[in-house]
Amino acid sequence: MADAPRRPSFPKFFLAIVCQFVYPILVVGLGGDWRWGAGWAFGLWFSGFCLATLSYLYVRDPALLAERSRRPGTGGEPTWDRVALVAITVLFMAWFVLMPLDARRFHWTAGFPVAWQVLGGVLLLLGSFFMFRAVADNTFASAMVRIQAERGQQVVSSGVYRLVRHPMYLGATAMTLGAPLLLGSRWGLALGLLIIAVLALRILGEERLLADQLEGYDDYRKQVRYRLFPGVW
């Protein structure tokens, strides 16, 4: 059994907060145009979401913040999940860097219609809602696939978990599609679809583990039918 992680110290938390302000500068800097409105919008949205989530968890649920701050491999998670986390991390970093290079600096993508960009902005708002509510509604929303026996993990079926079984992944899906639509990057869309495919595979493994090891999860699956997309899957 893994030991319960400790709440991050205030200096570490403060450093994490300060680091969030880098994202808008990174996006616009990679794009090579400081007047790029869509780049600023995405960068500020991403920083704002991270700041709001970190601050909420530090004040309201420090145990979950500590859990989500675990280093990979320290939670007793299965090997396949460590591989999945590495794949998701690498793909996300490539997605984040490639979008501004594609959409603004090198113009590999000619651009998207305004309606697509508006849709991208709406998806980002939906994404931030579901990702934030997922951690606000579920104190066991670890970044790893594992049973938190040391924290007395239980099935959570309230809030956004009444809609789909994996609202965090639903929010991440909206984000990975919304950002490239807003910025105008076909390469970002392609990488976003690849990230979603990896998330879907991870969901299948996660559900097998939860059904085997978490009491009440089978009943929850009967209560909430859909894993990721309401009415679809």
Protein backbone atom coordinates (compact mmCIF):
# COMPACT_ATOMS: atom_id res chain seq x y z
CA MET A 1 0.00 0.00 0.00
CA ALA A 2 1.31 3.45 -0.90
CA ASP A 3 1.70 5.98 1.88
CA ALA A 4 -0.55 9.03 1.90
CA PRO A 5 1.28 11.95 0.22
CA ARG A 6 1.94 15.11 2.19
CA ARG A 7 0.48 18.50 1.38
CA PRO A 8 2.95 20.53 -0.74
CA SER A 9 4.78 23.20 1.24
CA PHE A 10 3.81 26.83 0.63
CA PRO A 11 7.11 27.66 -1.16
CA LYS A 12 6.52 24.78 -3.60
CA PHE A 13 2.91 25.86 -4.08
CA PHE A 14 3.97 29.49 -4.66
CA LEU A 15 6.58 28.39 -7.20
CA ALA A 16 3.92 26.33 -9.02
CA ILE A 17 1.65 29.40 -9.10
CA VAL A 18 4.39 31.63 -10.51
CA CYS A 19 5.19 29.07 -13.23
CA GLN A 20 1.64 29.29 -14.58
CA PHE A 21 2.27 32.81 -15.86
CA VAL A 22 4.78 31.44 -18.36
CA TYR A 23 2.14 29.80 -20.57
CA PRO A 24 0.76 32.86 -22.42
CA ILE A 25 4.30 34.09 -23.12
CA LEU A 26 5.31 30.61 -24.30
CA VAL A 27 2.37 30.26 -26.69
CA VAL A 28 2.74 33.72 -28.22
CA GLY A 29 6.54 33.47 -28.26
CA LEU A 30 6.42 30.18 -30.17
CA GLY A 31 3.97 31.78 -32.57
CA GLY A 32 6.41 34.61 -33.17
CA ASP A 33 3.74 37.34 -33.12
CA TRP A 34 3.07 39.31 -29.94
CA ARG A 35 -0.12 40.72 -31.49
CA TRP A 36 -1.63 37.25 -31.94
CA GLY A 37 -5.01 37.53 -30.22
CA ALA A 38 -5.95 33.85 -30.36
CA GLY A 39 -2.58 32.88 -28.93
CA TRP A 40 -3.03 35.24 -25.98
CA ALA A 41 -6.58 33.98 -25.46
CA PHE A 42 -5.49 30.33 -25.29
CA GLY A 43 -2.42 31.04 -23.16
CA LEU A 44 -4.38 33.15 -20.67
CA TRP A 45 -7.18 30.57 -20.56
CA PHE A 46 -4.70 27.79 -19.81
CA SER A 47 -2.92 29.81 -17.11
CA GLY A 48 -6.21 30.90 -15.57
CA PHE A 49 -7.51 27.35 -15.42
CA CYS A 50 -4.31 26.04 -13.82
CA LEU A 51 -4.20 28.90 -11.30
CA ALA A 52 -7.85 28.44 -10.32
CA THR A 53 -7.48 24.67 -9.91
CA LEU A 54 -4.23 24.83 -7.94
CA SER A 55 -5.56 27.54 -5.63
CA TYR A 56 -8.84 25.73 -5.04
CA LEU A 57 -7.12 22.47 -4.16
CA TYR A 58 -4.53 24.12 -1.91
CA VAL A 59 -7.28 25.80 0.13
CA ARG A 60 -10.18 23.34 -0.10
CA ASP A 61 -8.67 19.89 -0.73
CA PRO A 62 -4.94 19.75 0.08
CA ALA A 63 -5.07 15.94 0.27
CA LEU A 64 -6.09 15.75 -3.39
CA LEU A 65 -3.46 18.33 -4.36
CA ALA A 66 -0.85 16.16 -2.65
CA GLU A 67 -2.18 13.09 -4.44
CA ARG A 68 -2.09 14.78 -7.83
CA SER A 69 1.45 16.02 -7.09
CA ARG A 70 2.81 12.49 -6.69
CA ARG A 71 5.80 11.52 -8.78
CA PRO A 72 5.02 8.73 -11.29
CA GLY A 73 5.81 5.32 -9.87
CA THR A 74 5.21 6.25 -6.22
CA GLY A 75 1.54 5.28 -6.02
CA GLY A 76 1.75 1.58 -6.81
CA GLU A 77 0.03 2.15 -10.15
CA PRO A 78 0.27 -0.64 -12.77
CA THR A 79 3.06 -0.58 -15.33
CA TRP A 80 0.67 -0.02 -18.21
CA ASP A 81 -0.54 3.20 -16.57
CA ARG A 82 3.01 4.49 -16.19
CA VAL A 83 3.48 3.92 -19.92
CA ALA A 84 0.17 5.64 -20.65
CA LEU A 85 1.14 8.66 -18.52
CA VAL A 86 4.45 9.02 -20.32
CA ALA A 87 2.72 8.80 -23.70
CA ILE A 88 0.09 11.37 -22.71
CA THR A 89 2.74 13.74 -21.31
CA VAL A 90 4.91 13.55 -24.43
CA LEU A 91 1.94 13.98 -26.76
CA PHE A 92 0.60 16.91 -24.74
CA MET A 93 3.95 18.70 -24.82
CA ALA A 94 4.21 18.15 -28.58
CA TRP A 95 0.60 19.37 -29.01
CA PHE A 96 1.23 22.50 -26.96
CA VAL A 97 4.41 23.42 -28.85
CA LEU A 98 3.30 22.43 -32.34
CA MET A 99 0.07 24.45 -32.43
CA PRO A 100 1.62 27.96 -32.34
CA LEU A 101 4.41 26.88 -34.69
CA ASP A 102 1.84 25.56 -37.15
CA ALA A 103 -0.83 28.25 -36.84
CA ARG A 104 1.31 31.39 -36.61
CA ARG A 105 5.06 31.08 -37.05
CA PHE A 106 5.25 28.82 -40.11
CA HIS A 107 1.61 28.91 -41.32
CA TRP A 108 1.53 25.24 -42.21
CA THR A 109 -2.24 25.54 -41.76
CA ALA A 110 -3.84 28.29 -43.82
CA GLY A 111 -6.35 29.08 -41.08
CA PHE A 112 -9.83 28.09 -39.98
CA PRO A 113 -13.18 29.84 -40.50
CA VAL A 114 -14.26 32.19 -37.72
CA ALA A 115 -17.10 29.83 -36.82
CA TRP A 116 -14.55 27.07 -36.10
CA GLN A 117 -12.56 29.43 -33.89
CA VAL A 118 -15.70 30.36 -31.96
CA LEU A 119 -16.46 26.65 -31.53
CA GLY A 120 -12.90 26.19 -30.24
CA GLY A 121 -13.43 28.88 -27.63
CA VAL A 122 -16.70 27.28 -26.50
CA LEU A 123 -14.99 23.89 -26.21
CA LEU A 124 -12.24 25.40 -24.05
CA LEU A 125 -14.84 26.84 -21.69
CA LEU A 126 -16.62 23.49 -21.50
CA GLY A 127 -13.29 21.74 -20.99
CA SER A 128 -12.31 23.94 -18.06
CA PHE A 129 -15.73 23.43 -16.48
CA PHE A 130 -15.60 19.63 -16.62
CA MET A 131 -11.95 19.36 -15.57
CA PHE A 132 -12.42 21.72 -12.63
CA ARG A 133 -15.67 20.10 -11.50
CA ALA A 134 -14.08 16.65 -11.76
CA VAL A 135 -11.56 17.50 -9.03
CA ALA A 136 -14.03 19.60 -7.04
CA ASP A 137 -16.62 16.79 -6.97
CA ASN A 138 -14.19 13.91 -6.44
CA THR A 139 -11.52 14.11 -3.76
CA PHE A 140 -10.07 10.84 -5.12
CA ALA A 141 -9.44 12.20 -8.65
CA SER A 142 -5.82 11.07 -8.82
CA ALA A 143 -3.65 11.62 -11.88
CA MET A 144 -2.71 7.91 -11.58
CA VAL A 145 -4.82 4.81 -12.05
CA ARG A 146 -4.72 3.31 -8.58
CA ILE A 147 -6.88 2.52 -5.55
CA GLN A 148 -6.17 4.98 -2.75
CA ALA A 149 -6.71 2.56 0.13
CA GLU A 150 -4.71 4.80 2.48
CA ARG A 151 -7.31 7.55 1.90
CA GLY A 152 -10.35 5.28 2.13
CA GLN A 153 -11.31 5.70 -1.51
CA GLN A 154 -14.99 5.31 -2.34
CA VAL A 155 -17.07 5.53 -5.50
CA VAL A 156 -18.17 9.10 -6.29
CA SER A 157 -21.42 9.40 -8.22
CA SER A 158 -22.45 13.02 -7.59
CA GLY A 159 -21.89 16.24 -9.53
CA VAL A 160 -20.50 15.79 -13.03
CA TYR A 161 -19.98 12.10 -12.28
CA ARG A 162 -23.74 11.69 -12.77
CA LEU A 163 -23.30 12.60 -16.44
CA VAL A 164 -20.34 10.43 -17.47
CA ARG A 165 -17.99 8.15 -15.56
CA HIS A 166 -14.86 10.06 -16.62
CA PRO A 167 -15.63 13.81 -16.66
CA MET A 168 -11.94 14.72 -16.34
CA TYR A 169 -11.26 12.99 -19.65
CA LEU A 170 -14.33 14.63 -21.17
CA GLY A 171 -12.90 18.02 -20.24
CA ALA A 172 -9.47 17.06 -21.58
CA THR A 173 -11.09 15.95 -24.85
CA ALA A 174 -12.86 19.30 -25.21
CA MET A 175 -9.56 21.09 -24.53
CA THR A 176 -7.47 19.09 -27.00
CA LEU A 177 -9.98 19.78 -29.76
CA GLY A 178 -10.92 23.32 -28.75
CA ALA A 179 -7.41 24.80 -28.62
CA PRO A 180 -6.36 23.86 -32.19
CA LEU A 181 -9.74 25.06 -33.51
CA LEU A 182 -9.29 28.41 -31.78
CA LEU A 183 -5.67 28.78 -32.88
CA GLY A 184 -6.18 27.37 -36.38
CA SER A 185 -3.89 24.32 -36.39
CA ARG A 186 -4.61 21.13 -38.32
CA TRP A 187 -1.51 19.51 -36.81
CA GLY A 188 -2.87 20.36 -33.38
CA LEU A 189 -6.16 18.68 -34.27
CA ALA A 190 -4.33 15.56 -35.45
CA LEU A 191 -2.30 15.33 -32.24
CA GLY A 192 -5.43 16.07 -30.22
CA LEU A 193 -7.21 13.09 -31.79
CA LEU A 194 -4.20 10.91 -30.98
CA ILE A 195 -4.28 12.08 -27.34
CA ILE A 196 -8.00 11.25 -27.17
CA ALA A 197 -7.31 7.75 -28.52
CA VAL A 198 -4.70 7.17 -25.78
CA LEU A 199 -7.15 8.47 -23.17
CA ALA A 200 -9.82 6.08 -24.43
CA LEU A 201 -7.43 3.13 -24.09
CA ARG A 202 -6.52 4.30 -20.59
CA ILE A 203 -10.20 4.47 -19.66
CA LEU A 204 -10.64 0.81 -20.60
CA GLY A 205 -7.74 -0.22 -18.37
CA GLU A 206 -8.86 2.05 -15.55
CA GLU A 207 -12.37 0.63 -15.59
CA ARG A 208 -11.10 -2.94 -15.40
CA LEU A 209 -9.00 -2.05 -12.36
CA LEU A 210 -11.81 -0.16 -10.63
CA ALA A 211 -14.32 -2.93 -11.27
CA ASP A 212 -11.92 -5.49 -9.78
CA GLN A 213 -10.71 -3.50 -6.78
CA LEU A 214 -13.16 -0.71 -5.85
CA GLU A 215 -16.32 -1.77 -4.06
CA GLY A 216 -19.49 -0.41 -5.63
CA TYR A 217 -17.97 0.51 -9.00
CA ASP A 218 -19.98 -2.11 -10.90
CA ASP A 219 -23.20 -0.65 -9.50
CA TYR A 220 -22.01 2.81 -10.52
CA ARG A 221 -21.41 1.61 -14.09
CA LYS A 222 -25.01 0.43 -14.22
CA GLN A 223 -26.22 3.75 -12.86
CA VAL A 224 -24.12 5.92 -15.23
CA ARG A 225 -23.99 4.17 -18.61
CA TYR A 226 -21.52 6.29 -20.54
CA ARG A 227 -17.76 6.46 -20.04
CA LEU A 228 -16.83 9.62 -21.93
CA PHE A 229 -19.43 10.94 -24.39
CA PRO A 230 -23.05 11.16 -23.19
CA GLY A 231 -25.29 9.09 -25.40
CA VAL A 232 -22.36 7.68 -27.40
CA TRP A 233 -19.71 5.78 -25.37
